[in-house]
N, C-alpha and C. Protein backbone atom coordinates (compact mmCIF):
# COMPACT_ATOMS: atom_id res chain seq x y z
N MET A 1 112.40 -20.99 55.67
CA MET A 1 110.97 -21.16 55.84
C MET A 1 110.72 -22.52 56.49
N ILE A 2 110.00 -22.49 57.58
CA ILE A 2 109.60 -23.73 58.25
C ILE A 2 108.09 -23.83 58.14
N ARG A 3 107.62 -24.80 57.36
CA ARG A 3 106.18 -25.00 57.20
C ARG A 3 105.70 -25.97 58.27
N VAL A 4 104.69 -25.51 59.01
CA VAL A 4 104.16 -26.31 60.10
C VAL A 4 102.76 -26.76 59.71
N ARG A 5 102.52 -28.07 59.73
CA ARG A 5 101.23 -28.62 59.30
C ARG A 5 100.62 -29.46 60.40
N GLY A 6 99.29 -29.46 60.42
CA GLY A 6 98.58 -30.32 61.36
C GLY A 6 98.60 -29.79 62.77
N GLU A 7 98.58 -30.71 63.72
CA GLU A 7 98.54 -30.37 65.14
C GLU A 7 99.95 -30.36 65.72
N VAL A 8 100.23 -29.35 66.54
CA VAL A 8 101.48 -29.31 67.28
C VAL A 8 101.12 -29.23 68.75
N ASP A 9 101.53 -30.26 69.48
CA ASP A 9 101.25 -30.32 70.91
C ASP A 9 102.43 -30.97 71.62
N ILE A 10 102.24 -31.30 72.87
CA ILE A 10 103.34 -31.85 73.67
C ILE A 10 103.90 -33.14 73.07
N ALA A 11 103.08 -33.87 72.35
CA ALA A 11 103.51 -35.15 71.78
C ALA A 11 104.51 -34.99 70.64
N ASN A 12 104.46 -33.85 69.94
CA ASN A 12 105.35 -33.70 68.79
C ASN A 12 106.05 -32.34 68.71
N ALA A 13 105.97 -31.54 69.74
CA ALA A 13 106.59 -30.21 69.72
C ALA A 13 108.11 -30.29 69.55
N GLU A 14 108.71 -31.38 69.99
CA GLU A 14 110.16 -31.51 69.86
C GLU A 14 110.59 -31.60 68.39
N LEU A 15 109.70 -32.09 67.52
CA LEU A 15 110.02 -32.09 66.09
C LEU A 15 110.15 -30.67 65.57
N LEU A 16 109.25 -29.81 66.03
CA LEU A 16 109.33 -28.39 65.66
C LEU A 16 110.59 -27.77 66.26
N ALA A 17 110.90 -28.13 67.49
CA ALA A 17 112.11 -27.61 68.14
C ALA A 17 113.37 -28.01 67.37
N ALA A 18 113.38 -29.22 66.83
CA ALA A 18 114.52 -29.67 66.03
C ALA A 18 114.66 -28.83 64.76
N SER A 19 113.55 -28.47 64.16
CA SER A 19 113.58 -27.60 62.98
C SER A 19 114.12 -26.22 63.33
N VAL A 20 113.73 -25.74 64.51
CA VAL A 20 114.24 -24.45 64.99
C VAL A 20 115.75 -24.53 65.17
N ASP A 21 116.23 -25.61 65.79
CA ASP A 21 117.67 -25.78 65.99
C ASP A 21 118.41 -25.72 64.66
N GLU A 22 117.90 -26.42 63.69
CA GLU A 22 118.53 -26.47 62.37
C GLU A 22 118.53 -25.09 61.71
N ALA A 23 117.39 -24.40 61.78
CA ALA A 23 117.28 -23.08 61.14
C ALA A 23 118.18 -22.06 61.82
N CYS A 24 118.28 -22.10 63.12
CA CYS A 24 119.09 -21.13 63.85
C CYS A 24 120.58 -21.41 63.71
N ALA A 25 120.93 -22.64 63.42
CA ALA A 25 122.34 -23.00 63.25
C ALA A 25 122.88 -22.51 61.90
N ALA A 26 121.99 -22.35 60.93
CA ALA A 26 122.41 -21.91 59.60
C ALA A 26 122.62 -20.39 59.62
N ASP A 27 123.48 -19.95 58.74
CA ASP A 27 123.76 -18.52 58.63
C ASP A 27 122.75 -17.89 57.67
N ARG A 28 121.67 -17.36 58.24
CA ARG A 28 120.63 -16.75 57.42
C ARG A 28 120.09 -15.51 58.12
N PRO A 29 119.51 -14.58 57.36
CA PRO A 29 119.01 -13.34 57.97
C PRO A 29 117.64 -13.47 58.63
N ALA A 30 116.89 -14.51 58.26
CA ALA A 30 115.52 -14.62 58.78
C ALA A 30 115.07 -16.07 58.87
N VAL A 31 114.16 -16.31 59.81
CA VAL A 31 113.48 -17.59 59.93
C VAL A 31 111.99 -17.27 59.92
N VAL A 32 111.26 -17.90 58.99
CA VAL A 32 109.82 -17.67 58.86
C VAL A 32 109.10 -18.98 59.12
N PHE A 33 108.13 -18.92 60.05
CA PHE A 33 107.28 -20.08 60.33
C PHE A 33 105.98 -19.88 59.57
N ASP A 34 105.71 -20.74 58.61
CA ASP A 34 104.45 -20.71 57.87
C ASP A 34 103.50 -21.68 58.55
N VAL A 35 102.50 -21.13 59.26
CA VAL A 35 101.57 -21.96 60.03
C VAL A 35 100.18 -22.02 59.38
N ALA A 36 100.10 -21.69 58.10
CA ALA A 36 98.81 -21.67 57.41
C ALA A 36 98.12 -23.03 57.45
N GLU A 37 98.89 -24.11 57.52
CA GLU A 37 98.31 -25.44 57.54
C GLU A 37 98.34 -26.08 58.93
N MET A 38 98.68 -25.29 59.95
CA MET A 38 98.63 -25.80 61.32
C MET A 38 97.18 -25.70 61.80
N THR A 39 96.66 -26.78 62.32
CA THR A 39 95.25 -26.82 62.73
C THR A 39 95.05 -26.72 64.24
N TYR A 40 96.13 -26.93 65.00
CA TYR A 40 96.02 -26.90 66.46
C TYR A 40 97.39 -26.60 67.04
N CYS A 41 97.39 -25.81 68.09
CA CYS A 41 98.63 -25.60 68.85
C CYS A 41 98.27 -25.40 70.31
N ASP A 42 99.24 -25.67 71.16
CA ASP A 42 99.02 -25.49 72.60
C ASP A 42 100.23 -24.80 73.20
N SER A 43 100.35 -24.84 74.50
CA SER A 43 101.44 -24.15 75.18
C SER A 43 102.81 -24.71 74.78
N SER A 44 102.85 -25.95 74.33
CA SER A 44 104.11 -26.53 73.87
C SER A 44 104.62 -25.77 72.65
N THR A 45 103.72 -25.42 71.77
CA THR A 45 104.07 -24.65 70.58
C THR A 45 104.56 -23.27 70.98
N ILE A 46 103.87 -22.64 71.91
CA ILE A 46 104.26 -21.32 72.40
C ILE A 46 105.67 -21.39 72.99
N ARG A 47 105.95 -22.45 73.75
CA ARG A 47 107.28 -22.62 74.35
C ARG A 47 108.36 -22.74 73.28
N VAL A 48 108.11 -23.57 72.27
CA VAL A 48 109.09 -23.75 71.19
C VAL A 48 109.33 -22.44 70.46
N LEU A 49 108.26 -21.72 70.14
CA LEU A 49 108.41 -20.46 69.42
C LEU A 49 109.06 -19.39 70.30
N SER A 50 108.79 -19.42 71.59
CA SER A 50 109.45 -18.47 72.51
C SER A 50 110.95 -18.73 72.55
N ASN A 51 111.33 -19.99 72.59
CA ASN A 51 112.75 -20.33 72.55
C ASN A 51 113.37 -19.93 71.22
N ALA A 52 112.60 -20.06 70.14
CA ALA A 52 113.09 -19.65 68.82
C ALA A 52 113.36 -18.16 68.78
N VAL A 53 112.47 -17.37 69.37
CA VAL A 53 112.67 -15.92 69.42
C VAL A 53 113.98 -15.60 70.14
N LYS A 54 114.20 -16.23 71.28
CA LYS A 54 115.41 -15.98 72.05
C LYS A 54 116.66 -16.31 71.24
N ARG A 55 116.63 -17.45 70.57
CA ARG A 55 117.78 -17.86 69.76
C ARG A 55 117.99 -16.93 68.58
N CYS A 56 116.90 -16.53 67.95
CA CYS A 56 117.02 -15.64 66.80
C CYS A 56 117.55 -14.28 67.21
N VAL A 57 117.06 -13.75 68.31
CA VAL A 57 117.56 -12.45 68.80
C VAL A 57 119.06 -12.55 69.09
N ALA A 58 119.47 -13.62 69.76
CA ALA A 58 120.88 -13.80 70.10
C ALA A 58 121.76 -13.91 68.85
N ALA A 59 121.21 -14.47 67.78
CA ALA A 59 121.97 -14.67 66.54
C ALA A 59 121.72 -13.56 65.52
N ASN A 60 120.97 -12.53 65.93
CA ASN A 60 120.63 -11.42 65.03
C ASN A 60 119.90 -11.90 63.77
N ILE A 61 118.94 -12.81 63.99
CA ILE A 61 118.11 -13.36 62.92
C ILE A 61 116.69 -12.85 63.13
N ARG A 62 116.06 -12.34 62.07
CA ARG A 62 114.67 -11.90 62.17
C ARG A 62 113.77 -13.12 62.13
N MET A 63 112.82 -13.20 63.04
CA MET A 63 111.87 -14.31 63.06
C MET A 63 110.46 -13.77 62.86
N SER A 64 109.66 -14.49 62.09
CA SER A 64 108.26 -14.11 61.93
C SER A 64 107.41 -15.36 61.76
N VAL A 65 106.12 -15.18 61.99
CA VAL A 65 105.13 -16.25 61.83
C VAL A 65 104.11 -15.73 60.83
N ILE A 66 103.87 -16.51 59.78
CA ILE A 66 102.88 -16.10 58.78
C ILE A 66 101.78 -17.15 58.67
N GLY A 67 100.62 -16.71 58.20
CA GLY A 67 99.52 -17.62 57.90
C GLY A 67 98.68 -18.06 59.09
N ALA A 68 98.88 -17.46 60.25
CA ALA A 68 98.10 -17.87 61.43
C ALA A 68 96.65 -17.43 61.26
N HIS A 69 95.75 -18.37 61.41
CA HIS A 69 94.31 -18.07 61.28
C HIS A 69 93.53 -19.01 62.19
N GLY A 70 92.26 -18.70 62.34
CA GLY A 70 91.37 -19.55 63.13
C GLY A 70 91.84 -19.76 64.55
N ALA A 71 91.74 -21.01 65.00
CA ALA A 71 92.09 -21.37 66.38
C ALA A 71 93.56 -21.10 66.69
N VAL A 72 94.43 -21.30 65.72
CA VAL A 72 95.86 -21.08 65.95
C VAL A 72 96.11 -19.59 66.21
N ARG A 73 95.51 -18.75 65.40
CA ARG A 73 95.66 -17.30 65.59
C ARG A 73 95.12 -16.89 66.96
N ARG A 74 94.00 -17.47 67.33
CA ARG A 74 93.37 -17.15 68.61
C ARG A 74 94.27 -17.54 69.78
N VAL A 75 94.90 -18.70 69.71
CA VAL A 75 95.81 -19.13 70.77
C VAL A 75 96.98 -18.14 70.89
N LEU A 76 97.54 -17.73 69.77
CA LEU A 76 98.64 -16.77 69.80
C LEU A 76 98.20 -15.43 70.38
N GLU A 77 96.98 -15.01 70.03
CA GLU A 77 96.46 -13.76 70.57
C GLU A 77 96.21 -13.86 72.08
N ILE A 78 95.60 -14.96 72.51
CA ILE A 78 95.32 -15.15 73.95
C ILE A 78 96.63 -15.19 74.74
N ALA A 79 97.63 -15.85 74.18
CA ALA A 79 98.93 -15.93 74.86
C ALA A 79 99.67 -14.59 74.85
N GLY A 80 99.21 -13.66 74.02
CA GLY A 80 99.82 -12.34 73.97
C GLY A 80 101.18 -12.32 73.29
N VAL A 81 101.37 -13.20 72.30
CA VAL A 81 102.68 -13.31 71.67
C VAL A 81 102.71 -12.86 70.20
N THR A 82 101.63 -12.30 69.71
CA THR A 82 101.60 -11.94 68.29
C THR A 82 102.68 -10.92 67.94
N GLU A 83 102.92 -9.97 68.80
CA GLU A 83 103.98 -8.98 68.52
C GLU A 83 105.36 -9.58 68.74
N ILE A 84 105.52 -10.35 69.79
CA ILE A 84 106.82 -10.97 70.09
C ILE A 84 107.25 -11.91 68.97
N PHE A 85 106.28 -12.67 68.42
CA PHE A 85 106.57 -13.61 67.34
C PHE A 85 106.51 -12.97 65.96
N ASN A 86 106.25 -11.67 65.89
CA ASN A 86 106.12 -10.97 64.60
C ASN A 86 105.11 -11.69 63.70
N VAL A 87 103.91 -11.92 64.22
CA VAL A 87 102.87 -12.61 63.45
C VAL A 87 102.38 -11.66 62.36
N GLU A 88 102.48 -12.14 61.12
CA GLU A 88 102.07 -11.37 59.95
C GLU A 88 100.93 -12.10 59.26
N ASP A 89 100.11 -11.35 58.55
CA ASP A 89 98.98 -11.97 57.87
C ASP A 89 99.40 -12.82 56.68
N ASN A 90 100.47 -12.48 56.01
CA ASN A 90 100.91 -13.24 54.83
C ASN A 90 102.20 -13.95 55.12
């Protein structure tokens, strides 16, 4: 479980990418991004999560995003990635 809080943008997206690297390196069946406390995201976030999907698929790891609401949910919907990122309500 990777809990993402606050704003994620170009200034700090690499911190999220580092968490992705760590999660994908471990031998686990799933990686879940809990974004319930994320208040802002931009294309940098989409890029990091897109790379996470690629890595998870290559490693046969299920990836999902939970807790997306408000502006964050809207950005994911506009980007057309809700299905690709397996965005779930809970």
